[in-house]
Amino acid sequence: MSELENTLIDKAVALHQKIYPCAKKERFADCFTIHENRLFFWYNTEDQSTHVLYIDVTAGN
């Protein structure tokens, strides 16, 4: 995974301690979306709530 993906995963763990892949995904690597220069990370928490974090990316990444 990329450095930006790992950054988002680390941030999610800092916020929620235990996180899980979103929906029927089996790996965190499948939980990312890029849209309009933003990298989104979708994940679930223990209470089955879905959360999303994002980070801006530059054209060079």
Protein backbone atom coordinates (compact mmCIF):
# COMPACT_ATOMS: atom_id res chain seq x y z
CA MET A 1 0.00 0.00 0.00
CA SER A 2 1.06 3.57 -0.53
CA GLU A 3 2.30 5.93 2.13
CA LEU A 4 -0.94 7.94 1.88
CA GLU A 5 -3.04 4.81 2.33
CA ASN A 6 -1.02 3.84 5.40
CA THR A 7 -1.42 7.37 6.76
CA LEU A 8 -5.21 7.11 6.52
CA ILE A 9 -5.25 3.67 8.15
CA ASP A 10 -3.06 4.95 11.00
CA LYS A 11 -5.38 7.92 11.50
CA ALA A 12 -8.44 5.64 11.59
CA VAL A 13 -6.80 3.39 14.20
CA ALA A 14 -5.88 6.43 16.29
CA LEU A 15 -9.52 7.55 16.21
CA HIS A 16 -11.25 4.19 16.76
CA GLN A 17 -8.61 1.66 17.95
CA LYS A 18 -10.29 -1.30 16.18
CA ILE A 19 -11.22 -0.92 12.53
CA TYR A 20 -12.40 -3.37 9.90
CA PRO A 21 -12.74 -3.38 6.12
CA CYS A 22 -15.95 -1.77 4.91
CA ALA A 23 -18.95 -3.70 3.60
CA LYS A 24 -18.02 -7.08 2.15
CA LYS A 25 -14.38 -6.16 1.57
CA GLU A 26 -11.80 -8.53 3.01
CA ARG A 27 -8.73 -6.28 2.88
CA PHE A 28 -8.10 -2.64 3.72
CA ALA A 29 -6.40 -2.33 0.33
CA ASP A 30 -9.87 -2.68 -1.24
CA CYS A 31 -11.35 0.15 0.85
CA PHE A 32 -9.85 3.14 -0.98
CA THR A 33 -11.39 5.41 -3.60
CA ILE A 34 -9.79 8.29 -5.49
CA HIS A 35 -12.07 11.13 -6.52
CA GLU A 36 -11.15 14.68 -7.57
CA ASN A 37 -7.62 14.69 -6.11
CA ARG A 38 -8.71 13.09 -2.84
CA LEU A 39 -7.94 9.63 -1.56
CA PHE A 40 -10.84 8.26 0.51
CA PHE A 41 -10.59 5.41 3.03
CA TRP A 42 -13.82 3.66 3.97
CA TYR A 43 -13.86 1.44 7.06
CA ASN A 44 -16.13 0.02 9.75
CA THR A 45 -15.82 0.13 13.52
CA GLU A 46 -16.85 -2.44 16.13
CA ASP A 47 -20.40 -1.05 16.27
CA GLN A 48 -20.75 -1.76 12.52
CA SER A 49 -20.76 1.97 11.68
CA THR A 50 -19.13 3.02 8.44
CA HIS A 51 -16.65 5.89 8.50
CA VAL A 52 -14.65 7.67 5.84
CA LEU A 53 -11.45 9.68 6.01
CA TYR A 54 -9.77 11.45 3.15
CA ILE A 55 -6.57 13.18 2.27
CA ASP A 56 -5.79 15.51 -0.60
CA VAL A 57 -3.36 14.15 -3.14
CA THR A 58 -1.29 16.03 -5.67
CA ALA A 59 -0.92 15.22 -9.34
CA GLY A 60 2.59 13.92 -8.62
CA ASN A 61 1.44 11.09 -6.30
